[in-house]
N, C-alpha and C. Protein backbone atom coordinates (compact mmCIF):
# COMPACT_ATOMS: atom_id res chain seq x y z
N UNK A 1 49.27 -18.92 36.27
CA UNK A 1 48.33 -20.01 36.45
C UNK A 1 46.92 -19.50 36.20
N UNK A 2 46.16 -20.23 35.41
CA UNK A 2 44.83 -19.79 35.02
C UNK A 2 43.78 -20.01 36.10
N UNK A 3 44.02 -20.90 37.04
CA UNK A 3 43.04 -21.20 38.07
C UNK A 3 41.95 -22.14 37.60
N UNK A 4 42.04 -22.60 36.36
CA UNK A 4 41.04 -23.53 35.84
C UNK A 4 41.41 -24.95 36.23
N UNK A 5 40.40 -25.76 36.42
CA UNK A 5 40.60 -27.16 36.75
C UNK A 5 40.65 -27.96 35.45
N UNK A 6 41.67 -28.79 35.31
CA UNK A 6 41.76 -29.66 34.15
C UNK A 6 40.99 -30.93 34.46
N UNK A 7 40.04 -31.24 33.60
CA UNK A 7 39.18 -32.40 33.78
C UNK A 7 39.35 -33.31 32.58
N UNK A 8 39.52 -34.59 32.85
CA UNK A 8 39.61 -35.58 31.80
C UNK A 8 38.31 -36.39 31.78
N UNK A 9 37.80 -36.62 30.60
CA UNK A 9 36.60 -37.44 30.43
C UNK A 9 37.09 -38.80 29.94
N UNK A 10 36.67 -39.84 30.66
CA UNK A 10 37.13 -41.20 30.32
C UNK A 10 36.02 -42.20 30.57
N UNK A 11 36.11 -43.37 29.96
CA UNK A 11 35.14 -44.42 30.27
C UNK A 11 35.30 -44.86 31.73
N UNK A 12 34.19 -45.16 32.37
CA UNK A 12 34.24 -45.65 33.75
C UNK A 12 34.92 -47.01 33.79
N UNK A 13 35.66 -47.24 34.88
CA UNK A 13 36.33 -48.52 35.13
C UNK A 13 35.74 -49.13 36.40
N UNK A 14 35.93 -50.41 36.63
CA UNK A 14 35.38 -51.03 37.84
C UNK A 14 35.81 -50.32 39.13
N UNK A 15 37.03 -49.83 39.19
CA UNK A 15 37.49 -49.14 40.40
C UNK A 15 36.82 -47.78 40.61
N UNK A 16 36.11 -47.28 39.59
CA UNK A 16 35.38 -46.02 39.72
C UNK A 16 34.02 -46.21 40.39
N UNK A 17 33.53 -47.44 40.48
CA UNK A 17 32.18 -47.69 41.01
C UNK A 17 32.01 -47.16 42.43
N UNK A 18 32.89 -47.45 43.39
CA UNK A 18 32.66 -46.92 44.75
C UNK A 18 32.60 -45.39 44.81
N UNK A 19 33.52 -44.64 44.19
CA UNK A 19 33.38 -43.19 44.26
C UNK A 19 32.18 -42.65 43.47
N UNK A 20 31.79 -43.33 42.38
CA UNK A 20 30.59 -42.92 41.65
C UNK A 20 29.36 -43.13 42.54
N UNK A 21 29.32 -44.24 43.24
CA UNK A 21 28.23 -44.54 44.15
C UNK A 21 28.16 -43.50 45.26
N UNK A 22 29.31 -43.15 45.84
CA UNK A 22 29.35 -42.13 46.89
C UNK A 22 28.83 -40.79 46.38
N UNK A 23 29.24 -40.42 45.17
CA UNK A 23 28.79 -39.16 44.57
C UNK A 23 27.27 -39.16 44.41
N UNK A 24 26.71 -40.24 43.86
CA UNK A 24 25.27 -40.31 43.67
C UNK A 24 24.54 -40.32 45.02
N UNK A 25 25.07 -41.06 45.99
CA UNK A 25 24.42 -41.10 47.30
C UNK A 25 24.38 -39.72 47.96
N UNK A 26 25.41 -38.92 47.77
CA UNK A 26 25.40 -37.55 48.32
C UNK A 26 24.28 -36.73 47.67
N UNK A 27 24.06 -36.92 46.38
CA UNK A 27 22.99 -36.23 45.67
C UNK A 27 21.63 -36.71 46.18
N UNK A 28 21.49 -38.02 46.35
CA UNK A 28 20.23 -38.59 46.85
C UNK A 28 19.93 -38.04 48.25
N UNK A 29 20.93 -38.04 49.12
CA UNK A 29 20.72 -37.57 50.49
C UNK A 29 20.40 -36.08 50.56
N UNK A 30 20.94 -35.30 49.64
CA UNK A 30 20.63 -33.86 49.59
C UNK A 30 19.17 -33.66 49.18
N UNK A 31 18.65 -34.55 48.33
CA UNK A 31 17.25 -34.54 47.93
C UNK A 31 16.91 -33.50 46.89
N UNK A 32 15.79 -33.75 46.20
CA UNK A 32 15.21 -32.77 45.31
C UNK A 32 15.72 -32.68 43.89
N UNK A 33 16.72 -33.49 43.52
CA UNK A 33 17.24 -33.35 42.16
C UNK A 33 17.31 -34.66 41.38
N UNK A 34 17.04 -35.77 42.01
CA UNK A 34 17.10 -37.03 41.29
C UNK A 34 15.85 -37.85 41.60
N UNK A 35 15.47 -38.70 40.66
CA UNK A 35 14.34 -39.59 40.88
C UNK A 35 14.70 -40.68 41.90
N UNK A 36 15.99 -40.93 42.09
CA UNK A 36 16.42 -41.91 43.09
C UNK A 36 16.20 -41.33 44.48
N UNK A 37 15.61 -42.12 45.35
CA UNK A 37 15.31 -41.64 46.69
C UNK A 37 15.99 -42.47 47.78
N UNK A 38 16.54 -43.61 47.43
CA UNK A 38 17.19 -44.49 48.39
C UNK A 38 18.65 -44.65 48.00
N UNK A 39 19.58 -44.42 48.94
CA UNK A 39 21.00 -44.59 48.63
C UNK A 39 21.32 -46.02 48.19
N UNK A 40 22.37 -46.14 47.41
CA UNK A 40 22.84 -47.41 46.88
C UNK A 40 24.02 -47.94 47.70
N UNK A 41 24.17 -49.25 47.75
CA UNK A 41 25.45 -49.85 48.12
C UNK A 41 26.26 -49.90 46.83
N UNK A 42 27.56 -50.10 46.92
CA UNK A 42 28.38 -50.19 45.70
C UNK A 42 27.90 -51.34 44.81
N UNK A 43 27.54 -52.46 45.42
CA UNK A 43 27.05 -53.61 44.65
C UNK A 43 25.71 -53.28 44.00
N UNK A 44 24.82 -52.65 44.75
CA UNK A 44 23.51 -52.26 44.21
C UNK A 44 23.65 -51.26 43.08
N UNK A 45 24.60 -50.33 43.22
CA UNK A 45 24.88 -49.35 42.18
C UNK A 45 25.34 -50.06 40.90
N UNK A 46 26.32 -50.97 41.04
CA UNK A 46 26.83 -51.70 39.87
C UNK A 46 25.73 -52.55 39.24
N UNK A 47 24.90 -53.19 40.08
CA UNK A 47 23.80 -54.00 39.55
C UNK A 47 22.83 -53.14 38.75
N UNK A 48 22.43 -52.00 39.31
CA UNK A 48 21.44 -51.16 38.65
C UNK A 48 21.99 -50.53 37.36
N UNK A 49 23.16 -49.91 37.45
CA UNK A 49 23.66 -49.15 36.31
C UNK A 49 24.40 -49.98 35.26
N UNK A 50 25.01 -51.07 35.67
CA UNK A 50 25.85 -51.81 34.73
C UNK A 50 25.33 -53.21 34.40
N UNK A 51 24.44 -53.75 35.23
CA UNK A 51 24.00 -55.12 34.98
C UNK A 51 22.53 -55.24 34.63
N UNK A 52 21.68 -54.31 35.10
CA UNK A 52 20.24 -54.46 34.87
C UNK A 52 19.74 -53.66 33.68
N UNK A 53 20.58 -52.82 33.11
CA UNK A 53 20.19 -52.03 31.96
C UNK A 53 20.98 -52.49 30.74
N UNK A 54 20.48 -52.14 29.58
CA UNK A 54 21.26 -52.38 28.37
C UNK A 54 22.13 -51.15 28.20
N UNK A 55 23.30 -51.27 28.74
CA UNK A 55 24.26 -50.18 28.90
C UNK A 55 24.91 -49.82 27.55
N UNK A 56 24.98 -48.54 27.25
CA UNK A 56 25.68 -48.06 26.06
C UNK A 56 27.04 -47.50 26.47
N UNK A 57 27.03 -46.55 27.41
CA UNK A 57 28.29 -45.96 27.85
C UNK A 57 28.14 -45.37 29.24
N UNK A 58 29.27 -45.24 29.90
CA UNK A 58 29.35 -44.49 31.15
C UNK A 58 30.67 -43.74 31.12
N UNK A 59 30.58 -42.42 31.11
CA UNK A 59 31.76 -41.57 31.12
C UNK A 59 31.90 -40.92 32.48
N UNK A 60 33.16 -40.76 32.89
CA UNK A 60 33.49 -40.17 34.18
C UNK A 60 34.30 -38.91 33.94
N UNK A 61 34.00 -37.85 34.69
CA UNK A 61 34.81 -36.63 34.68
C UNK A 61 35.74 -36.72 35.88
N UNK A 62 37.04 -36.69 35.60
CA UNK A 62 38.03 -36.89 36.64
C UNK A 62 38.99 -35.71 36.69
N UNK A 63 39.22 -35.21 37.90
CA UNK A 63 40.19 -34.15 38.12
C UNK A 63 41.59 -34.74 38.00
N UNK A 64 42.60 -33.90 37.81
CA UNK A 64 43.97 -34.38 37.64
C UNK A 64 44.41 -35.33 38.74
N UNK A 65 44.00 -35.10 39.97
CA UNK A 65 44.39 -35.97 41.08
C UNK A 65 43.62 -37.27 41.15
N UNK A 66 42.67 -37.48 40.25
CA UNK A 66 41.91 -38.72 40.21
C UNK A 66 40.54 -38.63 40.87
N UNK A 67 40.18 -37.49 41.45
CA UNK A 67 38.87 -37.35 42.08
C UNK A 67 37.79 -37.30 41.01
N UNK A 68 36.73 -38.07 41.21
CA UNK A 68 35.61 -38.08 40.27
C UNK A 68 34.70 -36.92 40.59
N UNK A 69 34.49 -36.06 39.58
CA UNK A 69 33.65 -34.88 39.73
C UNK A 69 32.24 -35.10 39.21
N UNK A 70 32.06 -36.12 38.39
CA UNK A 70 30.74 -36.40 37.85
C UNK A 70 30.79 -37.60 36.93
N UNK A 71 29.62 -38.09 36.56
CA UNK A 71 29.55 -39.17 35.58
C UNK A 71 28.24 -39.07 34.82
N UNK A 72 28.23 -39.71 33.65
CA UNK A 72 27.06 -39.68 32.78
C UNK A 72 26.87 -41.06 32.18
N UNK A 73 25.66 -41.57 32.36
CA UNK A 73 25.29 -42.89 31.85
C UNK A 73 24.43 -42.73 30.60
N UNK A 74 24.57 -43.64 29.68
CA UNK A 74 23.71 -43.71 28.51
C UNK A 74 23.31 -45.17 28.35
N UNK A 75 22.00 -45.42 28.27
CA UNK A 75 21.50 -46.79 28.18
C UNK A 75 20.28 -46.82 27.27
N UNK A 76 19.96 -48.01 26.79
CA UNK A 76 18.71 -48.20 26.09
C UNK A 76 17.60 -48.30 27.13
N UNK A 77 16.37 -47.96 26.75
CA UNK A 77 15.24 -48.00 27.67
C UNK A 77 14.04 -48.58 26.94
N UNK A 78 13.35 -49.50 27.58
CA UNK A 78 12.24 -50.20 26.93
C UNK A 78 11.10 -49.28 26.51
N UNK A 79 10.98 -48.09 27.09
CA UNK A 79 9.91 -47.16 26.73
C UNK A 79 10.30 -46.21 25.60
N UNK A 80 11.51 -46.37 25.08
CA UNK A 80 12.01 -45.48 24.02
C UNK A 80 12.22 -46.26 22.73
N UNK A 81 12.22 -45.57 21.58
CA UNK A 81 12.55 -46.24 20.32
C UNK A 81 13.94 -46.88 20.39
N UNK A 82 14.16 -47.91 19.58
CA UNK A 82 15.42 -48.65 19.60
C UNK A 82 16.64 -47.80 19.25
N UNK A 83 16.44 -46.71 18.51
CA UNK A 83 17.58 -45.88 18.12
C UNK A 83 17.71 -44.63 18.99
N UNK A 84 17.15 -44.68 20.20
CA UNK A 84 17.30 -43.61 21.19
C UNK A 84 18.07 -44.16 22.38
N UNK A 85 18.81 -43.27 23.04
CA UNK A 85 19.45 -43.60 24.31
C UNK A 85 18.81 -42.79 25.42
N UNK A 86 18.91 -43.28 26.64
CA UNK A 86 18.39 -42.59 27.82
C UNK A 86 19.58 -42.17 28.67
N UNK A 87 19.63 -40.90 29.04
CA UNK A 87 20.81 -40.34 29.71
C UNK A 87 20.50 -40.03 31.18
N UNK A 88 21.51 -40.17 32.01
CA UNK A 88 21.46 -39.73 33.40
C UNK A 88 22.80 -39.07 33.72
N UNK A 89 22.75 -37.89 34.31
CA UNK A 89 23.95 -37.10 34.60
C UNK A 89 24.00 -36.78 36.08
N UNK A 90 25.17 -36.99 36.68
CA UNK A 90 25.35 -36.70 38.10
C UNK A 90 26.69 -35.99 38.28
N UNK A 91 26.66 -34.84 38.95
CA UNK A 91 27.90 -34.07 39.19
C UNK A 91 27.94 -33.64 40.65
N UNK A 92 29.16 -33.59 41.18
CA UNK A 92 29.34 -33.16 42.57
C UNK A 92 28.85 -31.73 42.75
N UNK A 93 28.01 -31.53 43.73
CA UNK A 93 27.48 -30.20 44.00
C UNK A 93 28.54 -29.29 44.62
N UNK A 94 29.51 -29.87 45.30
CA UNK A 94 30.52 -29.08 46.00
C UNK A 94 31.81 -28.89 45.20
N UNK A 95 31.78 -29.22 43.92
CA UNK A 95 33.00 -29.13 43.10
C UNK A 95 33.31 -27.68 42.75
N UNK A 96 34.60 -27.37 42.69
CA UNK A 96 35.06 -26.06 42.24
C UNK A 96 35.02 -25.97 40.72
N UNK A 97 35.02 -27.11 40.07
CA UNK A 97 35.04 -27.14 38.60
C UNK A 97 33.64 -26.91 38.04
N UNK A 98 33.53 -25.98 37.15
CA UNK A 98 32.27 -25.73 36.46
C UNK A 98 32.33 -26.34 35.08
N UNK A 99 31.20 -26.73 34.55
CA UNK A 99 31.16 -27.26 33.20
C UNK A 99 31.39 -28.75 33.09
N UNK A 100 31.36 -29.46 34.21
CA UNK A 100 31.58 -30.91 34.19
C UNK A 100 30.51 -31.59 33.35
N UNK A 101 29.25 -31.22 33.54
CA UNK A 101 28.16 -31.83 32.79
C UNK A 101 28.29 -31.61 31.29
N UNK A 102 28.67 -30.40 30.91
CA UNK A 102 28.84 -30.09 29.49
C UNK A 102 29.99 -30.91 28.89
N UNK A 103 31.08 -31.04 29.63
CA UNK A 103 32.22 -31.83 29.15
C UNK A 103 31.82 -33.30 29.00
N UNK A 104 31.09 -33.84 29.96
CA UNK A 104 30.62 -35.22 29.86
C UNK A 104 29.72 -35.40 28.65
N UNK A 105 28.82 -34.45 28.44
CA UNK A 105 27.85 -34.58 27.37
C UNK A 105 28.50 -34.61 26.00
N UNK A 106 29.53 -33.84 25.82
CA UNK A 106 30.22 -33.84 24.53
C UNK A 106 30.72 -35.25 24.19
N UNK A 107 31.31 -35.92 25.17
CA UNK A 107 31.78 -37.29 24.96
C UNK A 107 30.64 -38.27 24.74
N UNK A 108 29.55 -38.09 25.48
CA UNK A 108 28.39 -38.98 25.35
C UNK A 108 27.76 -38.84 23.96
N UNK A 109 27.63 -37.62 23.46
CA UNK A 109 27.04 -37.42 22.13
C UNK A 109 27.91 -38.07 21.06
N UNK A 110 29.22 -37.95 21.22
CA UNK A 110 30.13 -38.59 20.26
C UNK A 110 29.90 -40.10 20.23
N UNK A 111 29.81 -40.71 21.41
CA UNK A 111 29.57 -42.15 21.48
C UNK A 111 28.19 -42.51 20.94
N UNK A 112 27.18 -41.71 21.24
CA UNK A 112 25.82 -41.97 20.74
C UNK A 112 25.82 -41.99 19.21
N UNK A 113 26.55 -41.06 18.60
CA UNK A 113 26.65 -41.04 17.14
C UNK A 113 27.32 -42.29 16.60
N UNK A 114 28.37 -42.73 17.28
CA UNK A 114 29.07 -43.95 16.84
C UNK A 114 28.19 -45.18 16.94
N UNK A 115 27.25 -45.19 17.90
CA UNK A 115 26.33 -46.32 18.06
C UNK A 115 25.08 -46.17 17.20
N UNK A 116 25.02 -45.13 16.39
CA UNK A 116 23.91 -44.94 15.47
C UNK A 116 22.63 -44.41 16.09
N UNK A 117 22.72 -43.85 17.29
CA UNK A 117 21.53 -43.30 17.92
C UNK A 117 21.13 -42.00 17.21
N UNK A 118 19.84 -41.78 17.10
CA UNK A 118 19.35 -40.56 16.48
C UNK A 118 18.91 -39.53 17.52
N UNK A 119 18.67 -39.99 18.75
CA UNK A 119 18.21 -39.08 19.80
C UNK A 119 18.63 -39.59 21.17
N UNK A 120 18.71 -38.65 22.10
CA UNK A 120 18.98 -38.95 23.50
C UNK A 120 17.83 -38.37 24.31
N UNK A 121 17.29 -39.18 25.21
CA UNK A 121 16.21 -38.76 26.10
C UNK A 121 16.78 -38.49 27.50
N UNK A 122 16.30 -37.41 28.10
CA UNK A 122 16.58 -37.12 29.51
C UNK A 122 15.24 -36.91 30.19
N UNK A 123 15.00 -37.61 31.29
CA UNK A 123 13.77 -37.41 32.05
C UNK A 123 14.15 -36.80 33.39
N UNK A 124 13.58 -35.63 33.67
CA UNK A 124 13.97 -34.81 34.82
C UNK A 124 12.75 -34.52 35.66
N UNK A 125 12.94 -34.55 36.98
CA UNK A 125 11.85 -34.13 37.87
C UNK A 125 11.54 -32.67 37.61
N UNK A 126 10.26 -32.32 37.60
CA UNK A 126 9.84 -30.94 37.34
C UNK A 126 10.32 -29.97 38.41
N UNK A 127 10.60 -30.47 39.61
CA UNK A 127 11.09 -29.60 40.69
C UNK A 127 12.61 -29.48 40.70
N UNK A 128 13.28 -30.04 39.70
CA UNK A 128 14.74 -29.95 39.58
C UNK A 128 15.09 -28.84 38.58
N UNK A 129 15.01 -27.60 39.05
CA UNK A 129 15.26 -26.45 38.17
C UNK A 129 16.65 -26.49 37.56
N UNK A 130 17.65 -26.88 38.33
CA UNK A 130 19.02 -26.95 37.82
C UNK A 130 19.17 -27.98 36.72
N UNK A 131 18.56 -29.15 36.90
CA UNK A 131 18.62 -30.20 35.89
C UNK A 131 17.91 -29.80 34.61
N UNK A 132 16.74 -29.18 34.76
CA UNK A 132 16.00 -28.72 33.58
C UNK A 132 16.81 -27.67 32.82
N UNK A 133 17.42 -26.74 33.54
CA UNK A 133 18.22 -25.69 32.90
C UNK A 133 19.44 -26.30 32.21
N UNK A 134 20.09 -27.27 32.85
CA UNK A 134 21.26 -27.94 32.26
C UNK A 134 20.90 -28.55 30.91
N UNK A 135 19.84 -29.35 30.87
CA UNK A 135 19.47 -29.99 29.60
C UNK A 135 18.99 -28.98 28.57
N UNK A 136 18.32 -27.92 29.00
CA UNK A 136 17.93 -26.85 28.07
C UNK A 136 19.16 -26.21 27.43
N UNK A 137 20.18 -25.92 28.25
CA UNK A 137 21.41 -25.30 27.72
C UNK A 137 22.10 -26.19 26.70
N UNK A 138 21.97 -27.50 26.84
CA UNK A 138 22.59 -28.43 25.90
C UNK A 138 21.81 -28.58 24.60
N UNK A 139 20.59 -28.04 24.56
CA UNK A 139 19.78 -28.11 23.35
C UNK A 139 18.67 -29.14 23.38
N UNK A 140 18.37 -29.71 24.54
CA UNK A 140 17.27 -30.65 24.66
C UNK A 140 15.95 -29.88 24.58
N UNK A 141 14.93 -30.53 24.00
CA UNK A 141 13.59 -29.93 23.92
C UNK A 141 12.57 -30.90 24.52
N UNK A 142 11.58 -30.35 25.19
CA UNK A 142 10.56 -31.16 25.84
C UNK A 142 9.73 -31.89 24.79
N UNK A 143 9.52 -33.19 25.01
CA UNK A 143 8.68 -33.96 24.10
C UNK A 143 7.58 -34.73 24.84
N UNK A 144 7.69 -34.84 26.17
CA UNK A 144 6.67 -35.57 26.93
C UNK A 144 6.71 -35.14 28.40
N UNK A 145 5.54 -35.15 29.03
CA UNK A 145 5.46 -34.89 30.46
C UNK A 145 4.58 -35.96 31.10
N UNK A 146 5.14 -36.68 32.07
CA UNK A 146 4.37 -37.62 32.87
C UNK A 146 3.91 -36.86 34.10
N UNK A 147 2.62 -36.69 34.22
CA UNK A 147 2.03 -35.89 35.29
C UNK A 147 1.97 -36.64 36.61
N UNK A 148 2.28 -35.92 37.68
CA UNK A 148 2.03 -36.36 39.06
C UNK A 148 2.57 -37.75 39.39
N UNK A 149 3.83 -37.99 39.09
CA UNK A 149 4.46 -39.26 39.47
C UNK A 149 4.80 -39.16 40.96
N UNK A 150 4.28 -40.08 41.78
CA UNK A 150 4.50 -39.94 43.22
C UNK A 150 5.93 -40.29 43.65
N UNK A 151 6.44 -39.49 44.58
CA UNK A 151 7.69 -39.81 45.25
C UNK A 151 7.38 -40.88 46.30
N UNK A 152 8.40 -41.37 46.98
CA UNK A 152 8.20 -42.37 48.02
C UNK A 152 7.24 -41.91 49.10
N UNK A 153 7.29 -40.61 49.40
CA UNK A 153 6.41 -40.07 50.45
C UNK A 153 5.00 -39.76 49.93
N UNK A 154 4.73 -40.07 48.66
CA UNK A 154 3.42 -39.85 48.08
C UNK A 154 3.25 -38.51 47.38
N UNK A 155 4.18 -37.58 47.59
CA UNK A 155 4.09 -36.27 46.95
C UNK A 155 4.23 -36.41 45.43
N UNK A 156 3.27 -35.88 44.66
CA UNK A 156 3.34 -36.00 43.20
C UNK A 156 4.27 -34.96 42.58
N UNK A 157 5.09 -35.42 41.65
CA UNK A 157 6.01 -34.53 40.92
C UNK A 157 5.99 -34.94 39.45
N UNK A 158 5.77 -33.99 38.57
CA UNK A 158 5.82 -34.28 37.13
C UNK A 158 7.23 -34.70 36.74
N UNK A 159 7.32 -35.54 35.71
CA UNK A 159 8.59 -35.93 35.11
C UNK A 159 8.57 -35.38 33.68
N UNK A 160 9.56 -34.57 33.36
CA UNK A 160 9.64 -33.92 32.05
C UNK A 160 10.69 -34.65 31.21
N UNK A 161 10.28 -35.18 30.08
CA UNK A 161 11.20 -35.86 29.17
C UNK A 161 11.60 -34.90 28.06
N UNK A 162 12.92 -34.80 27.86
CA UNK A 162 13.48 -33.91 26.85
C UNK A 162 14.30 -34.74 25.87
N UNK A 163 14.28 -34.32 24.61
CA UNK A 163 14.97 -35.04 23.54
C UNK A 163 16.07 -34.18 22.94
N UNK A 164 17.18 -34.82 22.62
CA UNK A 164 18.29 -34.17 21.95
C UNK A 164 18.57 -34.92 20.65
N UNK A 165 18.62 -34.22 19.53
CA UNK A 165 18.98 -34.83 18.25
C UNK A 165 20.49 -34.99 18.20
N UNK A 166 20.96 -36.21 18.00
CA UNK A 166 22.39 -36.53 18.07
C UNK A 166 23.15 -35.97 16.87
N UNK A 167 24.29 -35.36 17.17
CA UNK A 167 25.24 -34.90 16.16
C UNK A 167 26.64 -35.25 16.65
N UNK A 168 27.54 -35.57 15.77
CA UNK A 168 28.93 -35.85 16.15
C UNK A 168 29.57 -34.58 16.72
N UNK A 169 30.37 -34.72 17.78
CA UNK A 169 31.06 -33.58 18.37
C UNK A 169 32.51 -33.90 18.65
N UNK A 170 33.16 -32.98 19.32
CA UNK A 170 34.59 -32.86 19.51
C UNK A 170 35.38 -33.78 20.40
N UNK A 171 36.15 -33.20 21.27
CA UNK A 171 37.23 -33.82 22.01
C UNK A 171 36.78 -34.36 23.37
N UNK A 172 37.65 -35.11 24.03
CA UNK A 172 37.30 -35.66 25.34
C UNK A 172 38.19 -35.13 26.46
N UNK A 173 38.99 -34.11 26.24
CA UNK A 173 39.76 -33.47 27.31
C UNK A 173 39.41 -31.98 27.31
N UNK A 174 39.10 -31.45 28.46
CA UNK A 174 38.58 -30.09 28.56
C UNK A 174 39.25 -29.33 29.67
N UNK A 175 39.40 -28.03 29.50
CA UNK A 175 39.73 -27.13 30.60
C UNK A 175 38.45 -26.44 30.96
N UNK A 176 38.06 -26.54 32.24
CA UNK A 176 36.81 -25.90 32.66
C UNK A 176 37.05 -25.06 33.89
């Protein structure tokens, strides 16, 4: 036995919303890595991610037993060119599986190419060293910085926007 976790990347389904919401809420409550500062209800999560945005895709990383290890959203954004997508990635901090974000991204880039997108934008809090490193490893490059965006408590934090040039990529099942 290799000890590796088999992860399947699949489109999100309605029944995935509650565990996706729980995963994001755990990240929000831990603090310091997402621009979201208030936990979601399952309905609020579905409204925000699936009903209030012009949604392109949502992929879920699922362990063999069905546990959701992470998810990645891709949507259009009014502040971006029409042929760009805006990405958000969330992965369980306590997961034994490594590489969930990379596996999700491969599927997202494939879908972005099919939708004719030329670039993907990621906007990350400047104090989120892990998020910045993740997007750097994937090949994103900084193209904009919004200075001193206040958190709910008034503390200013820069938002760093990174761009990825879309290229078609591989498979949607990974061993990580």
